PDB file of N, CA and C in Angstrom:
ATOM      1  N   MET A   1       0.847  -1.187   0.000  1.00  0.00           N
ATOM      2  CA  MET A   1       0.000   0.000   0.000  1.00  0.00           C
ATOM      3  C   MET A   1       0.887   1.243   0.000  1.00  0.00           C
ATOM      4  N   THR A   2       0.602   2.163  -0.877  1.00  0.00           N
ATOM      5  CA  THR A   2       1.424   3.357  -0.953  1.00  0.00           C
ATOM      6  C   THR A   2       1.095   4.300   0.193  1.00  0.00           C
ATOM      7  N   LEU A   3       2.004   5.203   0.426  1.00  0.00           N
ATOM      8  CA  LEU A   3       1.835   6.173   1.518  1.00  0.00           C
ATOM      9  C   LEU A   3       0.623   7.051   1.284  1.00  0.00           C
ATOM     10  N   ASN A   4       0.372   7.448   0.048  1.00  0.00           N
ATOM     11  CA  ASN A   4      -0.770   8.299  -0.276  1.00  0.00           C
ATOM     12  C   ASN A   4      -2.089   7.604   0.062  1.00  0.00           C
ATOM     13  N   ARG A   5      -2.202   6.327  -0.316  1.00  0.00           N
ATOM     14  CA  ARG A   5      -3.430   5.568  -0.015  1.00  0.00           C
ATOM     15  C   ARG A   5      -3.613   5.398   1.484  1.00  0.00           C
ATOM     16  N   LEU A   6      -2.523   5.168   2.183  1.00  0.00           N
ATOM     17  CA  LEU A   6      -2.588   4.999   3.630  1.00  0.00           C
ATOM     18  C   LEU A   6      -3.078   6.274   4.308  1.00  0.00           C
ATOM     19  N   LEU A   7      -2.569   7.397   3.851  1.00  0.00           N
ATOM     20  CA  LEU A   7      -3.000   8.677   4.423  1.00  0.00           C
ATOM     21  C   LEU A   7      -4.457   8.966   4.104  1.00  0.00           C
ATOM     22  N   LEU A   8      -4.903   8.674   2.891  1.00  0.00           N
ATOM     23  CA  LEU A   8      -6.303   8.885   2.538  1.00  0.00           C
ATOM     24  C   LEU A   8      -7.219   8.004   3.369  1.00  0.00           C
ATOM     25  N   ARG A   9      -6.808   6.773   3.580  1.00  0.00           N
ATOM     26  CA  ARG A   9      -7.633   5.855   4.372  1.00  0.00           C
ATOM     27  C   ARG A   9      -7.698   6.317   5.828  1.00  0.00           C
ATOM     28  N   ALA A  10      -6.584   6.769   6.381  1.00  0.00           N
ATOM     29  CA  ALA A  10      -6.555   7.255   7.762  1.00  0.00           C
ATOM     30  C   ALA A  10      -7.415   8.506   7.914  1.00  0.00           C
ATOM     31  N   ALA A  11      -7.386   9.389   6.914  1.00  0.00           N
ATOM     32  CA  ALA A  11      -8.190  10.605   6.977  1.00  0.00           C
ATOM     33  C   ALA A  11      -9.676  10.291   6.926  1.00  0.00           C
ATOM     34  N   SER A  12     -10.062   9.334   6.084  1.00  0.00           N
ATOM     35  CA  SER A  12     -11.484   8.994   5.993  1.00  0.00           C
ATOM     36  C   SER A  12     -11.968   8.308   7.259  1.00  0.00           C
ATOM     37  N   VAL A  13     -11.144   7.507   7.886  1.00  0.00           N
ATOM     38  CA  VAL A  13     -11.522   6.842   9.137  1.00  0.00           C
ATOM     39  C   VAL A  13     -11.652   7.864  10.253  1.00  0.00           C
ATOM     40  N   SER A  14     -10.747   8.836  10.326  1.00  0.00           N
ATOM     41  CA  SER A  14     -10.810   9.826  11.402  1.00  0.00           C
ATOM     42  C   SER A  14     -12.031  10.740  11.245  1.00  0.00           C
ATOM     43  N   LYS A  15     -12.453  11.022  10.017  1.00  0.00           N
ATOM     44  CA  LYS A  15     -13.648  11.847   9.803  1.00  0.00           C
ATOM     45  C   LYS A  15     -14.911  11.101  10.206  1.00  0.00           C
ATOM     46  N   ILE A  16     -14.937   9.824   9.954  1.00  0.00           N
ATOM     47  CA  ILE A  16     -16.115   9.025  10.280  1.00  0.00           C
ATOM     48  C   ILE A  16     -16.191   8.802  11.793  1.00  0.00           C
ATOM     49  N   GLY A  17     -15.069   8.575  12.433  1.00  0.00           N
ATOM     50  CA  GLY A  17     -15.047   8.223  13.847  1.00  0.00           C
ATOM     51  C   GLY A  17     -15.129   9.390  14.797  1.00  0.00           C
ATOM     52  N   SER A  18     -15.062  10.602  14.305  1.00  0.00           N
ATOM     53  CA  SER A  18     -15.100  11.756  15.207  1.00  0.00           C
ATOM     54  C   SER A  18     -16.273  12.654  14.837  1.00  0.00           C
ATOM     55  N   ARG A  19     -16.660  13.481  15.808  1.00  0.00           N
ATOM     56  CA  ARG A  19     -17.721  14.440  15.545  1.00  0.00           C
ATOM     57  C   ARG A  19     -17.373  15.749  16.233  1.00  0.00           C
ATOM     58  N   SER A  20     -17.967  16.787  15.788  1.00  0.00           N
ATOM     59  CA  SER A  20     -17.656  18.097  16.319  1.00  0.00           C
ATOM     60  C   SER A  20     -18.302  18.279  17.681  1.00  0.00           C
ATOM     61  N   ALA A  21     -17.605  18.979  18.572  1.00  0.00           N
ATOM     62  CA  ALA A  21     -18.152  19.268  19.897  1.00  0.00           C
ATOM     63  C   ALA A  21     -19.099  20.455  19.830  1.00  0.00           C
ATOM     64  N   PHE A  22     -19.059  21.206  18.752  1.00  0.00           N
ATOM     65  CA  PHE A  22     -19.895  22.384  18.604  1.00  0.00           C
ATOM     66  C   PHE A  22     -21.086  22.065  17.705  1.00  0.00           C
ATOM     67  N   THR A  23     -22.211  22.706  18.008  1.00  0.00           N
ATOM     68  CA  THR A  23     -23.394  22.481  17.184  1.00  0.00           C
ATOM     69  C   THR A  23     -23.613  23.683  16.283  1.00  0.00           C
ATOM     70  N   ALA A  24     -24.250  23.441  15.177  1.00  0.00           N
ATOM     71  CA  ALA A  24     -24.520  24.512  14.226  1.00  0.00           C
ATOM     72  C   ALA A  24     -25.947  25.019  14.357  1.00  0.00           C
ATOM     73  N   ALA A  25     -26.678  24.556  15.354  1.00  0.00           N
ATOM     74  CA  ALA A  25     -28.072  24.979  15.534  1.00  0.00           C
ATOM     75  C   ALA A  25     -28.124  26.404  16.062  1.00  0.00           C
ATOM     76  N   LYS A  26     -29.021  27.185  15.519  1.00  0.00           N
ATOM     77  CA  LYS A  26     -29.167  28.562  15.972  1.00  0.00           C
ATOM     78  C   LYS A  26     -30.080  28.597  17.197  1.00  0.00           C
ATOM     79  N   PRO A  27     -29.838  29.540  18.124  1.00  0.00           N
ATOM     80  CA  PRO A  27     -30.682  29.607  19.312  1.00  0.00           C
ATOM     81  C   PRO A  27     -32.108  30.009  18.961  1.00  0.00           C
ATOM     82  N   ASP A  28     -33.066  29.473  19.696  1.00  0.00           N
ATOM     83  CA  ASP A  28     -34.478  29.769  19.486  1.00  0.00           C
ATOM     84  C   ASP A  28     -34.842  30.994  20.310  1.00  0.00           C
ATOM     85  N   HIS A  29     -34.999  32.150  19.655  1.00  0.00           N
ATOM     86  CA  HIS A  29     -35.276  33.399  20.367  1.00  0.00           C
ATOM     87  C   HIS A  29     -36.738  33.516  20.785  1.00  0.00           C
ATOM     88  N   THR A  30     -37.591  32.641  20.283  1.00  0.00           N
ATOM     89  CA  THR A  30     -38.999  32.698  20.673  1.00  0.00           C
ATOM     90  C   THR A  30     -39.245  31.975  21.992  1.00  0.00           C
ATOM     91  N   ASN A  31     -38.319  31.130  22.404  1.00  0.00           N
ATOM     92  CA  ASN A  31     -38.459  30.381  23.651  1.00  0.00           C
ATOM     93  C   ASN A  31     -37.147  30.466  24.425  1.00  0.00           C
ATOM     94  N   PRO A  32     -36.918  31.570  25.170  1.00  0.00           N
ATOM     95  CA  PRO A  32     -35.641  31.728  25.862  1.00  0.00           C
ATOM     96  C   PRO A  32     -35.516  30.768  27.055  1.00  0.00           C
ATOM     97  N   ASN A  33     -34.301  30.526  27.443  1.00  0.00           N
ATOM     98  CA  ASN A  33     -34.016  29.707  28.613  1.00  0.00           C
ATOM     99  C   ASN A  33     -34.178  30.609  29.843  1.00  0.00           C
ATOM    100  N   TRP A  34     -35.318  30.513  30.505  1.00  0.00           N
ATOM    101  CA  TRP A  34     -35.646  31.455  31.584  1.00  0.00           C
ATOM    102  C   TRP A  34     -34.753  31.287  32.800  1.00  0.00           C
ATOM    103  N   LEU A  35     -34.220  30.109  33.020  1.00  0.00           N
ATOM    104  CA  LEU A  35     -33.294  29.921  34.128  1.00  0.00           C
ATOM    105  C   LEU A  35     -32.031  30.744  33.912  1.00  0.00           C
ATOM    106  N   ARG A  36     -31.487  30.680  32.709  1.00  0.00           N
ATOM    107  CA  ARG A  36     -30.280  31.456  32.412  1.00  0.00           C
ATOM    108  C   ARG A  36     -30.556  32.952  32.426  1.00  0.00           C
ATOM    109  N   VAL A  37     -31.721  33.358  31.934  1.00  0.00           N
ATOM    110  CA  VAL A  37     -32.089  34.781  31.955  1.00  0.00           C
ATOM    111  C   VAL A  37     -32.192  35.266  33.397  1.00  0.00           C
ATOM    112  N   GLY A  38     -32.865  34.473  34.240  1.00  0.00           N
ATOM    113  CA  GLY A  38     -33.007  34.840  35.652  1.00  0.00           C
ATOM    114  C   GLY A  38     -31.675  34.908  36.365  1.00  0.00           C
ATOM    115  N   LEU A  39     -30.807  33.935  36.088  1.00  0.00           N
ATOM    116  CA  LEU A  39     -29.481  33.957  36.712  1.00  0.00           C
ATOM    117  C   LEU A  39     -28.668  35.170  36.262  1.00  0.00           C
ATOM    118  N   ALA A  40     -28.770  35.527  35.005  1.00  0.00           N
ATOM    119  CA  ALA A  40     -28.025  36.679  34.498  1.00  0.00           C
ATOM    120  C   ALA A  40     -28.506  37.971  35.149  1.00  0.00           C
ATOM    121  N   PHE A  41     -29.830  38.180  35.179  1.00  0.00           N
ATOM    122  CA  PHE A  41     -30.355  39.399  35.788  1.00  0.00           C
ATOM    123  C   PHE A  41     -30.154  39.402  37.300  1.00  0.00           C
ATOM    124  N   GLY A  42     -30.303  38.251  37.939  1.00  0.00           N
ATOM    125  CA  GLY A  42     -30.093  38.172  39.378  1.00  0.00           C
ATOM    126  C   GLY A  42     -28.657  38.470  39.766  1.00  0.00           C
ATOM    127  N   THR A  43     -27.725  37.925  39.004  1.00  0.00           N
ATOM    128  CA  THR A  43     -26.311  38.194  39.261  1.00  0.00           C
ATOM    129  C   THR A  43     -25.993  39.660  39.067  1.00  0.00           C
ATOM    130  N   SER A  44     -26.541  40.248  38.024  1.00  0.00           N
ATOM    131  CA  SER A  44     -26.314  41.668  37.763  1.00  0.00           C
ATOM    132  C   SER A  44     -26.863  42.527  38.895  1.00  0.00           C
ATOM    133  N   ALA A  45     -28.075  42.237  39.348  1.00  0.00           N
ATOM    134  CA  ALA A  45     -28.673  43.003  40.446  1.00  0.00           C
ATOM    135  C   ALA A  45     -27.862  42.835  41.728  1.00  0.00           C
ATOM    136  N   PHE A  46     -27.398  41.624  41.996  1.00  0.00           N
ATOM    137  CA  PHE A  46     -26.588  41.372  43.184  1.00  0.00           C
ATOM    138  C   PHE A  46     -25.290  42.173  43.149  1.00  0.00           C
ATOM    139  N   LEU A  47     -24.619  42.172  41.997  1.00  0.00           N
ATOM    140  CA  LEU A  47     -23.360  42.915  41.879  1.00  0.00           C
ATOM    141  C   LEU A  47     -23.575  44.423  41.999  1.00  0.00           C
ATOM    142  N   TRP A  48     -24.668  44.949  41.418  1.00  0.00           N
ATOM    143  CA  TRP A  48     -24.971  46.368  41.576  1.00  0.00           C
ATOM    144  C   TRP A  48     -25.250  46.700  43.043  1.00  0.00           C
ATOM    145  N   GLY A  49     -25.948  45.802  43.741  1.00  0.00           N
ATOM    146  CA  GLY A  49     -26.204  46.003  45.167  1.00  0.00           C
ATOM    147  C   GLY A  49     -24.915  46.059  45.966  1.00  0.00           C
ATOM    148  N   LEU A  50     -23.983  45.151  45.678  1.00  0.00           N
ATOM    149  CA  LEU A  50     -22.683  45.185  46.351  1.00  0.00           C
ATOM    150  C   LEU A  50     -21.924  46.472  46.040  1.00  0.00           C
ATOM    151  N   LEU A  51     -22.008  46.928  44.816  1.00  0.00           N
ATOM    152  CA  LEU A  51     -21.330  48.153  44.422  1.00  0.00           C
ATOM    153  C   LEU A  51     -21.866  49.353  45.195  1.00  0.00           C
ATOM    154  N   PHE A  52     -23.193  49.490  45.287  1.00  0.00           N
ATOM    155  CA  PHE A  52     -23.788  50.608  46.022  1.00  0.00           C
ATOM    156  C   PHE A  52     -23.470  50.533  47.509  1.00  0.00           C
ATOM    157  N   LYS A  53     -23.496  49.330  48.062  1.00  0.00           N
ATOM    158  CA  LYS A  53     -23.175  49.161  49.489  1.00  0.00           C
ATOM    159  C   LYS A  53     -21.727  49.555  49.748  1.00  0.00           C
ATOM    160  N   GLN A  54     -20.813  49.099  48.912  1.00  0.00           N
ATOM    161  CA  GLN A  54     -19.400  49.435  49.078  1.00  0.00           C
ATOM    162  C   GLN A  54     -19.169  50.925  48.920  1.00  0.00           C
ATOM    163  N   HIS A  55     -19.864  51.546  47.987  1.00  0.00           N
ATOM    164  CA  HIS A  55     -19.713  52.980  47.772  1.00  0.00           C
ATOM    165  C   HIS A  55     -20.174  53.766  48.995  1.00  0.00           C
ATOM    166  N   SER A  56     -21.329  53.399  49.555  1.00  0.00           N
ATOM    167  CA  SER A  56     -21.823  54.132  50.716  1.00  0.00           C
ATOM    168  C   SER A  56     -20.903  53.924  51.920  1.00  0.00           C
ATOM    169  N   THR A  57     -20.329  52.723  52.063  1.00  0.00           N
ATOM    170  CA  THR A  57     -19.368  52.470  53.131  1.00  0.00           C
ATOM    171  C   THR A  57     -18.122  53.325  52.939  1.00  0.00           C
ATOM    172  N   ASP A  58     -17.634  53.410  51.714  1.00  0.00           N
ATOM    173  CA  ASP A  58     -16.445  54.216  51.428  1.00  0.00           C
ATOM    174  C   ASP A  58     -16.699  55.696  51.679  1.00  0.00           C
ATOM    175  N   VAL A  59     -17.866  56.189  51.288  1.00  0.00           N
ATOM    176  CA  VAL A  59     -18.193  57.606  51.511  1.00  0.00           C
ATOM    177  C   VAL A  59     -18.269  57.902  53.001  1.00  0.00           C
ATOM    178  N   HIS A  60     -18.892  57.014  53.763  1.00  0.00           N
ATOM    179  CA  HIS A  60     -18.992  57.203  55.212  1.00  0.00           C
ATOM    180  C   HIS A  60     -17.601  57.215  55.852  1.00  0.00           C
ATOM    181  N   GLU A  61     -16.734  56.279  55.443  1.00  0.00           N
ATOM    182  CA  GLU A  61     -15.377  56.228  55.979  1.00  0.00           C
ATOM    183  C   GLU A  61     -14.602  57.495  55.625  1.00  0.00           C
ATOM    184  N   TYR A  62     -14.782  58.004  54.421  1.00  0.00           N
ATOM    185  CA  TYR A  62     -14.120  59.237  54.000  1.00  0.00           C
ATOM    186  C   TYR A  62     -14.561  60.413  54.864  1.00  0.00           C
ATOM    187  N   LYS A  63     -15.872  60.515  55.114  1.00  0.00           N
ATOM    188  CA  LYS A  63     -16.381  61.614  55.924  1.00  0.00           C
ATOM    189  C   LYS A  63     -15.884  61.529  57.360  1.00  0.00           C
ATOM    190  N   VAL A  64     -15.806  60.341  57.913  1.00  0.00           N
ATOM    191  CA  VAL A  64     -15.327  60.171  59.284  1.00  0.00           C
ATOM    192  C   VAL A  64     -13.843  60.529  59.373  1.00  0.00           C
ATOM    193  N   ARG A  65     -13.056  60.097  58.414  1.00  0.00           N
ATOM    194  CA  ARG A  65     -11.606  60.376  58.437  1.00  0.00           C
ATOM    195  C   ARG A  65     -11.300  61.855  58.288  1.00  0.00           C
ATOM    196  N   ASN A  66     -12.092  62.552  57.504  1.00  0.00           N
ATOM    197  CA  ASN A  66     -11.832  63.975  57.256  1.00  0.00           C
ATOM    198  C   ASN A  66     -12.621  64.893  58.175  1.00  0.00           C
ATOM    199  N   GLY A  67     -13.303  64.345  59.146  1.00  0.00           N
ATOM    200  CA  GLY A  67     -14.040  65.156  60.112  1.00  0.00           C
ATOM    201  C   GLY A  67     -15.230  65.863  59.528  1.00  0.00           C
ATOM    202  N   LEU A  68     -15.820  65.324  58.482  1.00  0.00           N
ATOM    203  CA  LEU A  68     -16.966  65.961  57.866  1.00  0.00           C
ATOM    204  C   LEU A  68     -18.270  65.487  58.486  1.00  0.00           C
ATOM    205  N   GLU A  69     -18.191  64.482  59.349  1.00  0.00           N
ATOM    206  CA  GLU A  69     -19.413  63.960  59.956  1.00  0.00           C
ATOM    207  C   GLU A  69     -19.244  63.818  61.441  1.00  0.00           C
TER     208      GLU A  69
END
């Protein structure tokens, strides 16, 4: 068997025996995944809450250190 035939046979076997880990299906925008939507918005709200809390703590500490309060 020549090297060219061997390589062609190996290539055809590897294409048949493997499959892609990625799918080509497009997401269905008419039926969203509500769990993921809820987690995304919940995480965002939680992080904004932490940001506002940290900001108010920092402002209070600044006022106390500078004798403004």
